[in-house]
C-alpha atoms as a PDB file:
ATOM      1  CA  UNK A   1      23.508 -68.654  42.666  1.00  0.00           C
ATOM      2  CA  UNK A   2      22.540 -67.627  46.207  1.00  0.00           C
ATOM      3  CA  UNK A   3      19.315 -66.031  47.376  1.00  0.00           C
ATOM      4  CA  UNK A   4      20.990 -62.635  47.882  1.00  0.00           C
ATOM      5  CA  UNK A   5      21.326 -62.243  44.120  1.00  0.00           C
ATOM      6  CA  UNK A   6      17.652 -62.967  43.487  1.00  0.00           C
ATOM      7  CA  UNK A   7      16.579 -60.792  46.425  1.00  0.00           C
ATOM      8  CA  UNK A   8      18.474 -57.833  44.953  1.00  0.00           C
ATOM      9  CA  UNK A   9      17.131 -58.579  41.471  1.00  0.00           C
ATOM     10  CA  UNK A  10      13.543 -58.644  42.752  1.00  0.00           C
ATOM     11  CA  UNK A  11      13.989 -55.455  44.798  1.00  0.00           C
ATOM     12  CA  UNK A  12      15.567 -53.412  42.003  1.00  0.00           C
ATOM     13  CA  UNK A  13      13.344 -54.984  39.366  1.00  0.00           C
ATOM     14  CA  UNK A  14      10.250 -53.968  41.325  1.00  0.00           C
ATOM     15  CA  UNK A  15      11.619 -50.457  41.894  1.00  0.00           C
ATOM     16  CA  UNK A  16      12.375 -49.852  38.220  1.00  0.00           C
ATOM     17  CA  UNK A  17       9.099 -51.353  37.028  1.00  0.00           C
ATOM     18  CA  UNK A  18       7.171 -48.990  39.294  1.00  0.00           C
ATOM     19  CA  UNK A  19       9.434 -46.147  38.148  1.00  0.00           C
ATOM     20  CA  UNK A  20       8.611 -47.010  34.535  1.00  0.00           C
ATOM     21  CA  UNK A  21       4.889 -46.921  35.342  1.00  0.00           C
ATOM     22  CA  UNK A  22       5.289 -43.497  36.943  1.00  0.00           C
ATOM     23  CA  UNK A  23       7.142 -42.228  33.868  1.00  0.00           C
ATOM     24  CA  UNK A  24       4.421 -43.595  31.576  1.00  0.00           C
ATOM     25  CA  UNK A  25       1.735 -41.686  33.472  1.00  0.00           C
ATOM     26  CA  UNK A  26       3.842 -38.541  33.856  1.00  0.00           C
ATOM     27  CA  UNK A  27       3.379 -37.338  30.263  1.00  0.00           C
ATOM     28  CA  UNK A  28      -0.434 -37.593  30.022  1.00  0.00           C
ATOM     29  CA  UNK A  29      -0.898 -36.250  33.545  1.00  0.00           C
ATOM     30  CA  UNK A  30       1.539 -33.405  32.820  1.00  0.00           C
ATOM     31  CA  UNK A  31      -0.292 -32.478  29.616  1.00  0.00           C
ATOM     32  CA  UNK A  32      -3.612 -32.521  31.455  1.00  0.00           C
ATOM     33  CA  UNK A  33      -2.198 -30.256  34.169  1.00  0.00           C
ATOM     34  CA  UNK A  34      -0.676 -27.773  31.717  1.00  0.00           C
ATOM     35  CA  UNK A  35      -3.732 -27.479  29.471  1.00  0.00           C
ATOM     36  CA  UNK A  36      -6.301 -28.150  32.212  1.00  0.00           C
ATOM     37  CA  UNK A  37      -7.925 -30.807  30.033  1.00  0.00           C
ATOM     38  CA  UNK A  38      -8.875 -33.961  31.889  1.00  0.00           C
ATOM     39  CA  UNK A  39     -10.636 -36.947  30.301  1.00  0.00           C
ATOM     40  CA  UNK A  40     -14.001 -37.857  31.777  1.00  0.00           C
ATOM     41  CA  UNK A  41     -13.888 -40.664  34.324  1.00  0.00           C
ATOM     42  CA  UNK A  42     -16.810 -42.404  32.629  1.00  0.00           C
ATOM     43  CA  UNK A  43     -15.005 -42.486  29.286  1.00  0.00           C
ATOM     44  CA  UNK A  44     -11.850 -43.926  30.882  1.00  0.00           C
ATOM     45  CA  UNK A  45     -13.937 -46.542  32.689  1.00  0.00           C
ATOM     46  CA  UNK A  46     -15.636 -47.670  29.470  1.00  0.00           C
ATOM     47  CA  UNK A  47     -12.293 -47.917  27.665  1.00  0.00           C
ATOM     48  CA  UNK A  48     -10.715 -49.893  30.509  1.00  0.00           C
ATOM     49  CA  UNK A  49     -13.641 -52.308  30.618  1.00  0.00           C
ATOM     50  CA  UNK A  50     -13.039 -52.966  26.921  1.00  0.00           C
ATOM     51  CA  UNK A  51      -9.248 -53.263  27.031  1.00  0.00           C
ATOM     52  CA  UNK A  52      -8.580 -55.050  30.328  1.00  0.00           C
ATOM     53  CA  UNK A  53     -10.234 -58.363  29.295  1.00  0.00           C
ATOM     54  CA  UNK A  54      -8.059 -58.350  26.160  1.00  0.00           C
ATOM     55  CA  UNK A  55      -4.767 -57.798  27.954  1.00  0.00           C
ATOM     56  CA  UNK A  56      -5.012 -59.558  31.320  1.00  0.00           C
ATOM     57  CA  UNK A  57      -4.562 -62.957  29.654  1.00  0.00           C
ATOM     58  CA  UNK A  58      -1.562 -61.607  27.744  1.00  0.00           C
ATOM     59  CA  UNK A  59      -0.032 -60.264  30.955  1.00  0.00           C
ATOM     60  CA  UNK A  60      -0.352 -63.600  32.762  1.00  0.00           C
ATOM     61  CA  UNK A  61       0.856 -65.622  29.780  1.00  0.00           C
ATOM     62  CA  UNK A  62       3.898 -63.391  29.242  1.00  0.00           C
ATOM     63  CA  UNK A  63       5.025 -63.701  32.862  1.00  0.00           C
ATOM     64  CA  UNK A  64       4.566 -67.479  32.913  1.00  0.00           C
ATOM     65  CA  UNK A  65       6.282 -67.845  29.524  1.00  0.00           C
ATOM     66  CA  UNK A  66       9.186 -65.401  29.731  1.00  0.00           C
ATOM     67  CA  UNK A  67      10.449 -65.920  33.290  1.00  0.00           C
ATOM     68  CA  UNK A  68      11.682 -69.525  32.805  1.00  0.00           C
ATOM     69  CA  UNK A  69      13.399 -68.515  29.544  1.00  0.00           C
ATOM     70  CA  UNK A  70      14.882 -65.093  30.313  1.00  0.00           C
ATOM     71  CA  UNK A  71      15.429 -65.481  34.050  1.00  0.00           C
ATOM     72  CA  UNK A  72      14.590 -62.952  36.752  1.00  0.00           C
ATOM     73  CA  UNK A  73      16.986 -60.194  35.682  1.00  0.00           C
ATOM     74  CA  UNK A  74      16.237 -60.541  31.984  1.00  0.00           C
ATOM     75  CA  UNK A  75      12.491 -60.519  32.600  1.00  0.00           C
ATOM     76  CA  UNK A  76      12.533 -57.355  34.712  1.00  0.00           C
ATOM     77  CA  UNK A  77      14.717 -55.604  32.120  1.00  0.00           C
ATOM     78  CA  UNK A  78      12.456 -56.739  29.297  1.00  0.00           C
ATOM     79  CA  UNK A  79       9.289 -55.527  31.002  1.00  0.00           C
ATOM     80  CA  UNK A  80      10.840 -52.092  31.528  1.00  0.00           C
ATOM     81  CA  UNK A  81      12.275 -51.646  28.026  1.00  0.00           C
ATOM     82  CA  UNK A  82       9.539 -53.456  26.074  1.00  0.00           C
ATOM     83  CA  UNK A  83       9.721 -55.110  22.624  1.00  0.00           C
ATOM     84  CA  UNK A  84      10.040 -58.499  24.316  1.00  0.00           C
ATOM     85  CA  UNK A  85       8.772 -60.843  21.617  1.00  0.00           C
ATOM     86  CA  UNK A  86      10.504 -59.192  18.675  1.00  0.00           C
ATOM     87  CA  UNK A  87      13.803 -58.067  20.285  1.00  0.00           C
ATOM     88  CA  UNK A  88      14.558 -59.093  23.879  1.00  0.00           C
ATOM     89  CA  UNK A  89      13.463 -62.730  23.699  1.00  0.00           C
ATOM     90  CA  UNK A  90      15.301 -63.531  20.430  1.00  0.00           C
ATOM     91  CA  UNK A  91      18.395 -61.715  21.703  1.00  0.00           C
ATOM     92  CA  UNK A  92      18.422 -63.666  24.965  1.00  0.00           C
ATOM     93  CA  UNK A  93      17.819 -66.998  23.234  1.00  0.00           C
ATOM     94  CA  UNK A  94      20.520 -66.407  20.617  1.00  0.00           C
ATOM     95  CA  UNK A  95      23.015 -65.303  23.267  1.00  0.00           C
ATOM     96  CA  UNK A  96      22.402 -68.423  25.360  1.00  0.00           C
ATOM     97  CA  UNK A  97      22.609 -70.615  22.272  1.00  0.00           C
ATOM     98  CA  UNK A  98      25.925 -69.060  21.169  1.00  0.00           C
ATOM     99  CA  UNK A  99      27.299 -69.356  24.709  1.00  0.00           C
ATOM    100  CA  UNK A 100      26.120 -72.994  24.785  1.00  0.00           C
ATOM    101  CA  UNK A 101      24.196 -72.549  28.035  1.00  0.00           C
ATOM    102  CA  UNK A 102      20.651 -73.545  28.885  1.00  0.00           C
ATOM    103  CA  UNK A 103      17.805 -71.334  30.025  1.00  0.00           C
ATOM    104  CA  UNK A 104      16.765 -71.492  33.685  1.00  0.00           C
ATOM    105  CA  UNK A 105      20.349 -72.113  34.842  1.00  0.00           C
ATOM    106  CA  UNK A 106      22.824 -69.842  36.631  1.00  0.00           C
ATOM    107  CA  UNK A 107      24.853 -69.391  33.458  1.00  0.00           C
ATOM    108  CA  UNK A 108      21.720 -68.782  31.410  1.00  0.00           C
ATOM    109  CA  UNK A 109      20.517 -66.198  33.943  1.00  0.00           C
ATOM    110  CA  UNK A 110      23.736 -64.189  33.613  1.00  0.00           C
ATOM    111  CA  UNK A 111      24.003 -64.450  29.812  1.00  0.00           C
ATOM    112  CA  UNK A 112      20.335 -63.576  29.324  1.00  0.00           C
ATOM    113  CA  UNK A 113      20.490 -60.526  31.603  1.00  0.00           C
ATOM    114  CA  UNK A 114      23.666 -59.164  29.982  1.00  0.00           C
ATOM    115  CA  UNK A 115      22.412 -59.732  26.435  1.00  0.00           C
ATOM    116  CA  UNK A 116      19.069 -58.040  27.117  1.00  0.00           C
ATOM    117  CA  UNK A 117      20.816 -55.079  28.764  1.00  0.00           C
ATOM    118  CA  UNK A 118      23.111 -54.674  25.743  1.00  0.00           C
ATOM    119  CA  UNK A 119      20.119 -55.085  23.424  1.00  0.00           C
ATOM    120  CA  UNK A 120      18.228 -52.330  25.255  1.00  0.00           C
ATOM    121  CA  UNK A 121      21.164 -49.919  25.012  1.00  0.00           C
ATOM    122  CA  UNK A 122      21.744 -50.767  21.352  1.00  0.00           C
ATOM    123  CA  UNK A 123      18.068 -50.346  20.521  1.00  0.00           C
ATOM    124  CA  UNK A 124      17.951 -46.933  22.192  1.00  0.00           C
ATOM    125  CA  UNK A 125      21.037 -45.726  20.310  1.00  0.00           C
ATOM    126  CA  UNK A 126      19.833 -47.072  16.953  1.00  0.00           C
ATOM    127  CA  UNK A 127      16.359 -45.580  17.399  1.00  0.00           C
ATOM    128  CA  UNK A 128      17.834 -42.187  18.314  1.00  0.00           C
ATOM    129  CA  UNK A 129      20.137 -42.215  15.283  1.00  0.00           C
ATOM    130  CA  UNK A 130      17.373 -43.523  13.028  1.00  0.00           C
ATOM    131  CA  UNK A 131      14.894 -40.859  14.141  1.00  0.00           C
ATOM    132  CA  UNK A 132      17.392 -38.079  13.493  1.00  0.00           C
ATOM    133  CA  UNK A 133      18.601 -39.509  10.177  1.00  0.00           C
ATOM    134  CA  UNK A 134      15.308 -40.662   8.658  1.00  0.00           C
ATOM    135  CA  UNK A 135      12.929 -38.006  10.001  1.00  0.00           C
ATOM    136  CA  UNK A 136      13.127 -35.911   6.795  1.00  0.00           C
ATOM    137  CA  UNK A 137      12.515 -38.831   4.384  1.00  0.00           C
ATOM    138  CA  UNK A 138      10.429 -41.282   6.440  1.00  0.00           C
ATOM    139  CA  UNK A 139       7.047 -39.686   5.569  1.00  0.00           C
ATOM    140  CA  UNK A 140       7.909 -39.991   1.874  1.00  0.00           C
ATOM    141  CA  UNK A 141       8.974 -43.649   1.869  1.00  0.00           C
ATOM    142  CA  UNK A 142       6.022 -44.728   4.042  1.00  0.00           C
ATOM    143  CA  UNK A 143       3.389 -42.771   2.106  1.00  0.00           C
ATOM    144  CA  UNK A 144       0.555 -44.643   0.405  1.00  0.00           C
ATOM    145  CA  UNK A 145       2.006 -44.154  -3.072  1.00  0.00           C
ATOM    146  CA  UNK A 146       5.553 -45.144  -2.128  1.00  0.00           C
ATOM    147  CA  UNK A 147       7.122 -48.313  -3.576  1.00  0.00           C
ATOM    148  CA  UNK A 148       8.461 -49.069  -0.070  1.00  0.00           C
ATOM    149  CA  UNK A 149       5.005 -49.066   1.554  1.00  0.00           C
ATOM    150  CA  UNK A 150       4.455 -52.809   1.073  1.00  0.00           C
ATOM    151  CA  UNK A 151       7.854 -53.584   2.591  1.00  0.00           C
ATOM    152  CA  UNK A 152       7.108 -51.582   5.749  1.00  0.00           C
ATOM    153  CA  UNK A 153       3.782 -53.387   6.134  1.00  0.00           C
ATOM    154  CA  UNK A 154       5.604 -56.742   6.219  1.00  0.00           C
ATOM    155  CA  UNK A 155       8.469 -55.906   8.577  1.00  0.00           C
ATOM    156  CA  UNK A 156       7.049 -57.791  11.579  1.00  0.00           C
ATOM    157  CA  UNK A 157       6.018 -60.939   9.657  1.00  0.00           C
ATOM    158  CA  UNK A 158       9.460 -61.049   8.022  1.00  0.00           C
ATOM    159  CA  UNK A 159      11.184 -60.560  11.373  1.00  0.00           C
ATOM    160  CA  UNK A 160       9.191 -63.237  13.192  1.00  0.00           C
ATOM    161  CA  UNK A 161       9.505 -65.612  10.245  1.00  0.00           C
ATOM    162  CA  UNK A 162      13.285 -65.259  10.150  1.00  0.00           C
ATOM    163  CA  UNK A 163      13.611 -65.683  13.909  1.00  0.00           C
ATOM    164  CA  UNK A 164      11.190 -68.577  14.161  1.00  0.00           C
ATOM    165  CA  UNK A 165      12.400 -70.560  11.148  1.00  0.00           C
ATOM    166  CA  UNK A 166      15.562 -71.738  12.891  1.00  0.00           C
ATOM    167  CA  UNK A 167      13.719 -72.932  15.993  1.00  0.00           C
ATOM    168  CA  UNK A 168      10.949 -74.550  13.944  1.00  0.00           C
ATOM    169  CA  UNK A 169      13.528 -76.453  11.888  1.00  0.00           C
ATOM    170  CA  UNK A 170      15.342 -77.706  14.997  1.00  0.00           C
ATOM    171  CA  UNK A 171      12.209 -78.636  16.941  1.00  0.00           C
ATOM    172  CA  UNK A 172       9.669 -79.253  14.172  1.00  0.00           C
ATOM    173  CA  UNK A 173       7.817 -81.944  16.113  1.00  0.00           C
ATOM    174  CA  UNK A 174       7.202 -79.535  18.975  1.00  0.00           C
ATOM    175  CA  UNK A 175       6.383 -76.587  16.692  1.00  0.00           C
ATOM    176  CA  UNK A 176       3.921 -78.487  14.492  1.00  0.00           C
ATOM    177  CA  UNK A 177       1.001 -78.631  16.939  1.00  0.00           C
ATOM    178  CA  UNK A 178       0.883 -74.960  18.060  1.00  0.00           C
ATOM    179  CA  UNK A 179       1.332 -73.667  14.502  1.00  0.00           C
ATOM    180  CA  UNK A 180      -1.475 -75.818  13.089  1.00  0.00           C
ATOM    181  CA  UNK A 181      -3.814 -75.047  15.993  1.00  0.00           C
ATOM    182  CA  UNK A 182      -3.038 -71.316  15.771  1.00  0.00           C
ATOM    183  CA  UNK A 183      -3.779 -71.299  12.035  1.00  0.00           C
ATOM    184  CA  UNK A 184      -7.046 -73.189  12.566  1.00  0.00           C
ATOM    185  CA  UNK A 185      -8.127 -70.751  15.282  1.00  0.00           C
ATOM    186  CA  UNK A 186      -7.469 -67.774  12.994  1.00  0.00           C
ATOM    187  CA  UNK A 187      -9.321 -69.453  10.111  1.00  0.00           C
ATOM    188  CA  UNK A 188     -12.479 -70.149  12.123  1.00  0.00           C
ATOM    189  CA  UNK A 189     -12.216 -67.165  14.522  1.00  0.00           C
ATOM    190  CA  UNK A 190     -10.171 -64.440  12.787  1.00  0.00           C
ATOM    191  CA  UNK A 191     -11.032 -61.836  15.429  1.00  0.00           C
ATOM    192  CA  UNK A 192      -9.391 -63.805  18.267  1.00  0.00           C
ATOM    193  CA  UNK A 193      -7.245 -61.532  20.439  1.00  0.00           C
ATOM    194  CA  UNK A 194      -3.485 -61.918  20.589  1.00  0.00           C
ATOM    195  CA  UNK A 195      -3.523 -62.813  24.286  1.00  0.00           C
ATOM    196  CA  UNK A 196      -6.070 -65.595  23.824  1.00  0.00           C
ATOM    197  CA  UNK A 197      -4.220 -66.907  20.763  1.00  0.00           C
ATOM    198  CA  UNK A 198      -0.940 -66.952  22.707  1.00  0.00           C
ATOM    199  CA  UNK A 199      -2.607 -68.872  25.533  1.00  0.00           C
ATOM    200  CA  UNK A 200      -4.051 -71.455  23.122  1.00  0.00           C
ATOM    201  CA  UNK A 201      -0.758 -72.016  21.282  1.00  0.00           C
ATOM    202  CA  UNK A 202       1.218 -72.236  24.542  1.00  0.00           C
ATOM    203  CA  UNK A 203      -1.174 -74.874  25.881  1.00  0.00           C
ATOM    204  CA  UNK A 204      -0.799 -76.744  22.586  1.00  0.00           C
ATOM    205  CA  UNK A 205       2.989 -76.545  22.918  1.00  0.00           C
ATOM    206  CA  UNK A 206       2.862 -77.916  26.466  1.00  0.00           C
ATOM    207  CA  UNK A 207       0.605 -80.802  25.435  1.00  0.00           C
ATOM    208  CA  UNK A 208       2.867 -81.601  22.467  1.00  0.00           C
ATOM    209  CA  UNK A 209       5.960 -81.449  24.687  1.00  0.00           C
ATOM    210  CA  UNK A 210       4.396 -83.856  27.210  1.00  0.00           C
ATOM    211  CA  UNK A 211       3.459 -86.319  24.456  1.00  0.00           C
ATOM    212  CA  UNK A 212       6.942 -86.149  22.895  1.00  0.00           C
ATOM    213  CA  UNK A 213       8.553 -86.550  26.320  1.00  0.00           C
ATOM    214  CA  UNK A 214       6.464 -89.624  27.102  1.00  0.00           C
ATOM    215  CA  UNK A 215       7.368 -91.201  23.753  1.00  0.00           C
ATOM    216  CA  UNK A 216      11.076 -90.502  24.274  1.00  0.00           C
ATOM    217  CA  UNK A 217      10.864 -91.840  27.827  1.00  0.00           C
ATOM    218  CA  UNK A 218       9.274 -95.074  26.601  1.00  0.00           C
ATOM    219  CA  UNK A 219      11.986 -95.449  23.943  1.00  0.00           C
ATOM    220  CA  UNK A 220      14.714 -94.836  26.519  1.00  0.00           C
ATOM    221  CA  UNK A 221      13.256 -97.366  28.964  1.00  0.00           C
ATOM    222  CA  UNK A 222      12.871 -99.937  26.183  1.00  0.00           C
ATOM    223  CA  UNK A 223      16.464 -99.440  25.011  1.00  0.00           C
ATOM    224  CA  UNK A 224      17.780 -99.733  28.587  1.00  0.00           C
ATOM    225  CA  UNK A 225      15.818-102.919  29.190  1.00  0.00           C
ATOM    226  CA  UNK A 226      16.988-104.323  25.863  1.00  0.00           C
ATOM    227  CA  UNK A 227      20.597-103.545  26.747  1.00  0.00           C
ATOM    228  CA  UNK A 228      20.248-105.296  30.100  1.00  0.00           C
ATOM    229  CA  UNK A 229      18.793-108.396  28.445  1.00  0.00           C
ATOM    230  CA  UNK A 230      21.645-108.514  25.921  1.00  0.00           C
ATOM    231  CA  UNK A 231      24.296-108.130  28.624  1.00  0.00           C
ATOM    232  CA  UNK A 232      22.626-110.865  30.700  1.00  0.00           C
ATOM    233  CA  UNK A 233      22.543-113.219  27.725  1.00  0.00           C
ATOM    234  CA  UNK A 234      26.250-112.612  27.055  1.00  0.00           C
ATOM    235  CA  UNK A 235      27.130-113.385  30.676  1.00  0.00           C
ATOM    236  CA  UNK A 236      25.237-116.680  30.501  1.00  0.00           C
END
């Protein structure tokens, strides 16, 4: 895949990410203009000082984590459309797995980008239909006294559990360390932010991967040396 492809991806990805930022600010700025109601600069500053330390780690971790998996095109699309962890990332991974291609390859780049684009379109259509269809009954089934309330509270855990179970089963040695460390962090520091927790578990995953790789490398070298000794003995 030549540099022209990536140059175009980076140009259009940057354009649409800035366009998305403009659209995000358009609504609050428009409301403030129409009603002539502007928030105080001091209040915004205090809020930003509280929120920025929580999210800057998440922003860095997401870029470092998602780009090698989703590729350039898939990452730009995901950052514009959102819902990366619960929709775009699983969709891209499943598409590459079904197509029998690896991430961070030319084939993986194409499959990931197409699958995330289709996922974004599908999500938009389903949300539009769901909003129109369930708007009259949604307040009733999500009310405090509804029998469905507990189910709605557990949608995300059920989703992540179903998506992660397959990968944990296939790569249980690699998944063991970050899961245990993440659980221990939440036990002893339950107020830990999501961004910090992601950073800790990713570091644990990297350390576990390096240890597993070194063990496999030693086994491979030992088996190769053993094979050479056996072949030499047979020749003698």
